[in-house]
């Protein structure tokens, strides 16, 4: 399912226009993004938890040349599946 299909399904389920469903989805994504940028978690009970994790700097290898490279530290977004969603997809 892509974004357009998600908007269409949401509009149909909620009985609202596709335009409004699109605005709602965009708002949700933007709010989650802003919250993660602040280093906070977003917990949707039963669905899952969005969080930010720090990856340490490390050494790796260039697969083409075999030369050692330095991979810098960075923050990454994580998602942990909630129990209800986990049970639903079994």
N, C-alpha and C. Protein backbone atom coordinates (compact mmCIF):
# COMPACT_ATOMS: atom_id res chain seq x y z
N UNK A 1 0.85 -1.18 0.00
CA UNK A 1 0.00 0.00 0.00
C UNK A 1 0.89 1.23 0.00
N UNK A 2 0.57 2.18 -0.88
CA UNK A 2 1.32 3.42 -0.91
C UNK A 2 0.51 4.53 -0.21
N UNK A 3 1.08 5.73 -0.19
CA UNK A 3 0.44 6.84 0.52
C UNK A 3 -0.95 7.15 -0.05
N UNK A 4 -1.07 7.17 -1.37
CA UNK A 4 -2.36 7.46 -2.00
C UNK A 4 -3.42 6.44 -1.63
N UNK A 5 -3.03 5.18 -1.63
CA UNK A 5 -3.98 4.12 -1.26
C UNK A 5 -4.36 4.20 0.22
N UNK A 6 -3.40 4.58 1.07
CA UNK A 6 -3.69 4.76 2.49
C UNK A 6 -4.67 5.91 2.70
N UNK A 7 -4.47 6.99 1.99
CA UNK A 7 -5.37 8.14 2.08
C UNK A 7 -6.77 7.75 1.63
N UNK A 8 -6.85 7.03 0.54
CA UNK A 8 -8.14 6.60 0.01
C UNK A 8 -8.88 5.69 1.01
N UNK A 9 -8.16 4.73 1.57
CA UNK A 9 -8.76 3.81 2.54
C UNK A 9 -9.21 4.54 3.80
N UNK A 10 -8.39 5.48 4.26
CA UNK A 10 -8.73 6.25 5.46
C UNK A 10 -9.96 7.11 5.21
N UNK A 11 -10.02 7.76 4.06
CA UNK A 11 -11.17 8.60 3.72
C UNK A 11 -12.45 7.76 3.69
N UNK A 12 -12.37 6.60 3.09
CA UNK A 12 -13.54 5.72 3.00
C UNK A 12 -13.98 5.25 4.39
N UNK A 13 -13.02 4.77 5.20
CA UNK A 13 -13.35 4.27 6.55
C UNK A 13 -13.93 5.35 7.45
N UNK A 14 -13.38 6.57 7.36
CA UNK A 14 -13.81 7.66 8.24
C UNK A 14 -14.98 8.45 7.67
N UNK A 15 -15.32 8.21 6.41
CA UNK A 15 -16.41 8.95 5.79
C UNK A 15 -16.08 10.41 5.57
N UNK A 16 -14.81 10.67 5.21
CA UNK A 16 -14.37 12.05 4.96
C UNK A 16 -13.79 12.12 3.54
N UNK A 17 -13.50 13.34 3.09
CA UNK A 17 -12.93 13.52 1.75
C UNK A 17 -11.48 13.06 1.72
N UNK A 18 -11.01 12.73 0.52
CA UNK A 18 -9.61 12.34 0.35
C UNK A 18 -8.69 13.50 0.70
N UNK A 19 -9.11 14.71 0.38
CA UNK A 19 -8.29 15.89 0.67
C UNK A 19 -8.08 16.03 2.18
N UNK A 20 -9.15 15.87 2.94
CA UNK A 20 -9.05 15.97 4.40
C UNK A 20 -8.21 14.83 4.96
N UNK A 21 -8.42 13.63 4.46
CA UNK A 21 -7.64 12.47 4.92
C UNK A 21 -6.15 12.68 4.62
N UNK A 22 -5.83 13.27 3.47
CA UNK A 22 -4.45 13.57 3.12
C UNK A 22 -3.83 14.57 4.07
N UNK A 23 -4.59 15.61 4.43
CA UNK A 23 -4.10 16.61 5.37
C UNK A 23 -3.86 15.99 6.74
N UNK A 24 -4.75 15.11 7.16
CA UNK A 24 -4.61 14.45 8.46
C UNK A 24 -3.35 13.58 8.46
N UNK A 25 -3.16 12.79 7.41
CA UNK A 25 -1.98 11.92 7.34
C UNK A 25 -0.70 12.75 7.33
N UNK A 26 -0.67 13.81 6.54
CA UNK A 26 0.51 14.68 6.50
C UNK A 26 0.80 15.29 7.87
N UNK A 27 -0.25 15.67 8.58
CA UNK A 27 -0.10 16.25 9.91
C UNK A 27 0.46 15.23 10.89
N UNK A 28 -0.02 14.00 10.82
CA UNK A 28 0.47 12.94 11.71
C UNK A 28 1.95 12.68 11.45
N UNK A 29 2.32 12.54 10.19
CA UNK A 29 3.72 12.28 9.84
C UNK A 29 4.61 13.44 10.28
N UNK A 30 4.16 14.66 10.07
CA UNK A 30 4.93 15.85 10.47
C UNK A 30 5.10 15.91 11.99
N UNK A 31 4.04 15.60 12.72
CA UNK A 31 4.10 15.63 14.18
C UNK A 31 5.06 14.56 14.71
N UNK A 32 5.00 13.36 14.15
CA UNK A 32 5.92 12.30 14.56
C UNK A 32 7.36 12.71 14.27
N UNK A 33 7.59 13.29 13.09
CA UNK A 33 8.93 13.73 12.71
C UNK A 33 9.46 14.79 13.66
N UNK A 34 8.66 15.80 13.98
CA UNK A 34 9.08 16.86 14.89
C UNK A 34 9.39 16.31 16.27
N UNK A 35 8.57 15.39 16.74
CA UNK A 35 8.77 14.79 18.06
C UNK A 35 10.07 14.00 18.11
N UNK A 36 10.34 13.23 17.07
CA UNK A 36 11.59 12.46 17.01
C UNK A 36 12.80 13.38 16.91
N UNK A 37 12.68 14.49 16.20
CA UNK A 37 13.78 15.45 16.09
C UNK A 37 14.15 16.01 17.46
N UNK A 38 13.16 16.14 18.34
CA UNK A 38 13.40 16.63 19.71
C UNK A 38 13.96 15.53 20.60
N UNK A 39 14.07 14.32 20.07
CA UNK A 39 14.61 13.21 20.84
C UNK A 39 13.59 12.51 21.72
N UNK A 40 12.31 12.78 21.48
CA UNK A 40 11.25 12.18 22.28
C UNK A 40 10.66 10.98 21.56
N UNK A 41 9.94 10.14 22.32
CA UNK A 41 9.27 8.97 21.76
C UNK A 41 7.84 9.30 21.38
N UNK A 42 7.30 8.54 20.44
CA UNK A 42 5.88 8.60 20.11
C UNK A 42 5.33 7.19 20.34
N UNK A 43 4.42 7.07 21.31
CA UNK A 43 3.87 5.77 21.67
C UNK A 43 2.41 5.71 21.25
N UNK A 44 2.09 4.75 20.38
CA UNK A 44 0.72 4.51 19.96
C UNK A 44 0.34 3.14 20.53
N UNK A 45 -0.36 3.15 21.65
CA UNK A 45 -0.67 1.91 22.38
C UNK A 45 -1.27 0.86 21.45
N UNK A 46 -0.70 -0.33 21.50
CA UNK A 46 -1.18 -1.43 20.69
C UNK A 46 -0.58 -1.46 19.29
N UNK A 47 -0.17 -0.31 18.77
CA UNK A 47 0.40 -0.24 17.42
C UNK A 47 1.92 -0.33 17.47
N UNK A 48 2.54 0.57 18.24
CA UNK A 48 3.99 0.54 18.35
C UNK A 48 4.57 1.84 18.86
N UNK A 49 5.91 1.87 18.94
CA UNK A 49 6.62 3.02 19.47
C UNK A 49 7.68 3.48 18.48
N UNK A 50 7.66 4.76 18.16
CA UNK A 50 8.69 5.38 17.35
C UNK A 50 9.69 6.01 18.31
N UNK A 51 10.99 5.82 18.07
CA UNK A 51 12.00 6.41 18.93
C UNK A 51 13.25 6.71 18.10
N UNK A 52 14.23 7.34 18.76
CA UNK A 52 15.49 7.67 18.12
C UNK A 52 16.60 6.94 18.87
N UNK A 53 17.50 6.31 18.14
CA UNK A 53 18.64 5.62 18.74
C UNK A 53 19.93 6.23 18.18
N UNK A 54 20.97 6.20 18.99
CA UNK A 54 22.27 6.71 18.56
C UNK A 54 23.14 5.53 18.14
N UNK A 55 23.72 5.63 16.96
CA UNK A 55 24.68 4.63 16.49
C UNK A 55 26.08 5.20 16.69
N UNK A 56 26.94 4.42 17.26
CA UNK A 56 28.32 4.83 17.50
C UNK A 56 29.09 4.87 16.17
N UNK A 57 30.13 5.68 16.13
CA UNK A 57 31.02 5.68 14.97
C UNK A 57 31.71 4.32 14.93
N UNK A 58 31.99 3.84 13.74
CA UNK A 58 32.62 2.53 13.62
C UNK A 58 33.42 2.45 12.33
N UNK A 59 34.17 1.40 12.21
CA UNK A 59 34.95 1.18 11.00
C UNK A 59 34.24 0.13 10.16
N UNK A 60 34.30 0.31 8.85
CA UNK A 60 33.70 -0.63 7.93
C UNK A 60 34.62 -0.86 6.75
N UNK A 61 34.16 -1.57 5.78
CA UNK A 61 34.94 -1.83 4.58
C UNK A 61 34.14 -1.46 3.35
N UNK A 62 34.81 -0.81 2.40
CA UNK A 62 34.21 -0.51 1.11
C UNK A 62 34.10 -1.84 0.37
N UNK A 63 32.89 -2.28 0.02
CA UNK A 63 32.74 -3.59 -0.61
C UNK A 63 33.39 -3.69 -2.00
N UNK A 64 33.57 -2.57 -2.67
CA UNK A 64 34.18 -2.61 -4.01
C UNK A 64 35.70 -2.70 -3.96
N UNK A 65 36.30 -1.96 -3.02
CA UNK A 65 37.76 -1.91 -2.97
C UNK A 65 38.36 -2.68 -1.81
N UNK A 66 37.56 -2.94 -0.78
CA UNK A 66 38.08 -3.62 0.40
C UNK A 66 38.79 -2.69 1.36
N UNK A 67 38.91 -1.40 0.99
CA UNK A 67 39.57 -0.43 1.86
C UNK A 67 38.73 -0.17 3.10
N UNK A 68 39.43 0.05 4.22
CA UNK A 68 38.75 0.37 5.46
C UNK A 68 38.23 1.80 5.40
N UNK A 69 37.00 2.01 5.87
CA UNK A 69 36.42 3.35 5.90
C UNK A 69 35.89 3.63 7.30
N UNK A 70 35.77 4.90 7.63
CA UNK A 70 35.21 5.31 8.91
C UNK A 70 33.75 5.66 8.69
N UNK A 71 32.87 5.02 9.46
CA UNK A 71 31.44 5.31 9.38
C UNK A 71 31.13 6.21 10.57
N UNK A 72 30.66 7.45 10.34
CA UNK A 72 30.44 8.39 11.44
C UNK A 72 29.24 8.01 12.30
N UNK A 73 29.25 8.50 13.53
CA UNK A 73 28.11 8.31 14.43
C UNK A 73 26.91 9.05 13.86
N UNK A 74 25.73 8.52 14.15
CA UNK A 74 24.52 9.20 13.70
C UNK A 74 23.32 8.73 14.50
N UNK A 75 22.24 9.47 14.39
CA UNK A 75 20.98 9.10 15.02
C UNK A 75 20.10 8.45 13.97
N UNK A 76 19.36 7.42 14.36
CA UNK A 76 18.46 6.72 13.44
C UNK A 76 17.08 6.57 14.09
N UNK A 77 16.06 6.60 13.25
CA UNK A 77 14.69 6.38 13.72
C UNK A 77 14.46 4.89 13.86
N UNK A 78 13.75 4.52 14.93
CA UNK A 78 13.42 3.12 15.17
C UNK A 78 11.91 2.98 15.36
N UNK A 79 11.41 1.78 15.08
CA UNK A 79 10.01 1.48 15.34
C UNK A 79 9.94 0.11 15.99
N UNK A 80 9.30 0.05 17.16
CA UNK A 80 9.10 -1.21 17.85
C UNK A 80 7.61 -1.54 17.77
N UNK A 81 7.29 -2.70 17.24
CA UNK A 81 5.91 -3.12 17.04
C UNK A 81 5.23 -3.37 18.37
N UNK A 82 3.98 -2.90 18.49
CA UNK A 82 3.19 -3.13 19.69
C UNK A 82 2.58 -4.53 19.70
N UNK A 83 2.15 -4.97 20.86
CA UNK A 83 1.61 -6.33 21.01
C UNK A 83 0.39 -6.58 20.14
N UNK A 84 -0.52 -5.65 20.09
CA UNK A 84 -1.76 -5.82 19.31
C UNK A 84 -1.45 -5.99 17.82
N UNK A 85 -0.56 -5.15 17.30
CA UNK A 85 -0.19 -5.24 15.88
C UNK A 85 0.56 -6.53 15.62
N UNK A 86 1.43 -6.89 16.53
CA UNK A 86 2.20 -8.12 16.39
C UNK A 86 1.29 -9.34 16.30
N UNK A 87 0.29 -9.40 17.15
CA UNK A 87 -0.67 -10.50 17.12
C UNK A 87 -1.50 -10.51 15.83
N UNK A 88 -1.82 -9.33 15.34
CA UNK A 88 -2.66 -9.21 14.15
C UNK A 88 -1.98 -9.73 12.89
N UNK A 89 -0.65 -9.64 12.82
CA UNK A 89 0.04 -10.05 11.60
C UNK A 89 0.61 -11.47 11.67
N UNK A 90 0.40 -12.16 12.76
CA UNK A 90 0.89 -13.55 12.87
C UNK A 90 0.17 -14.46 11.94
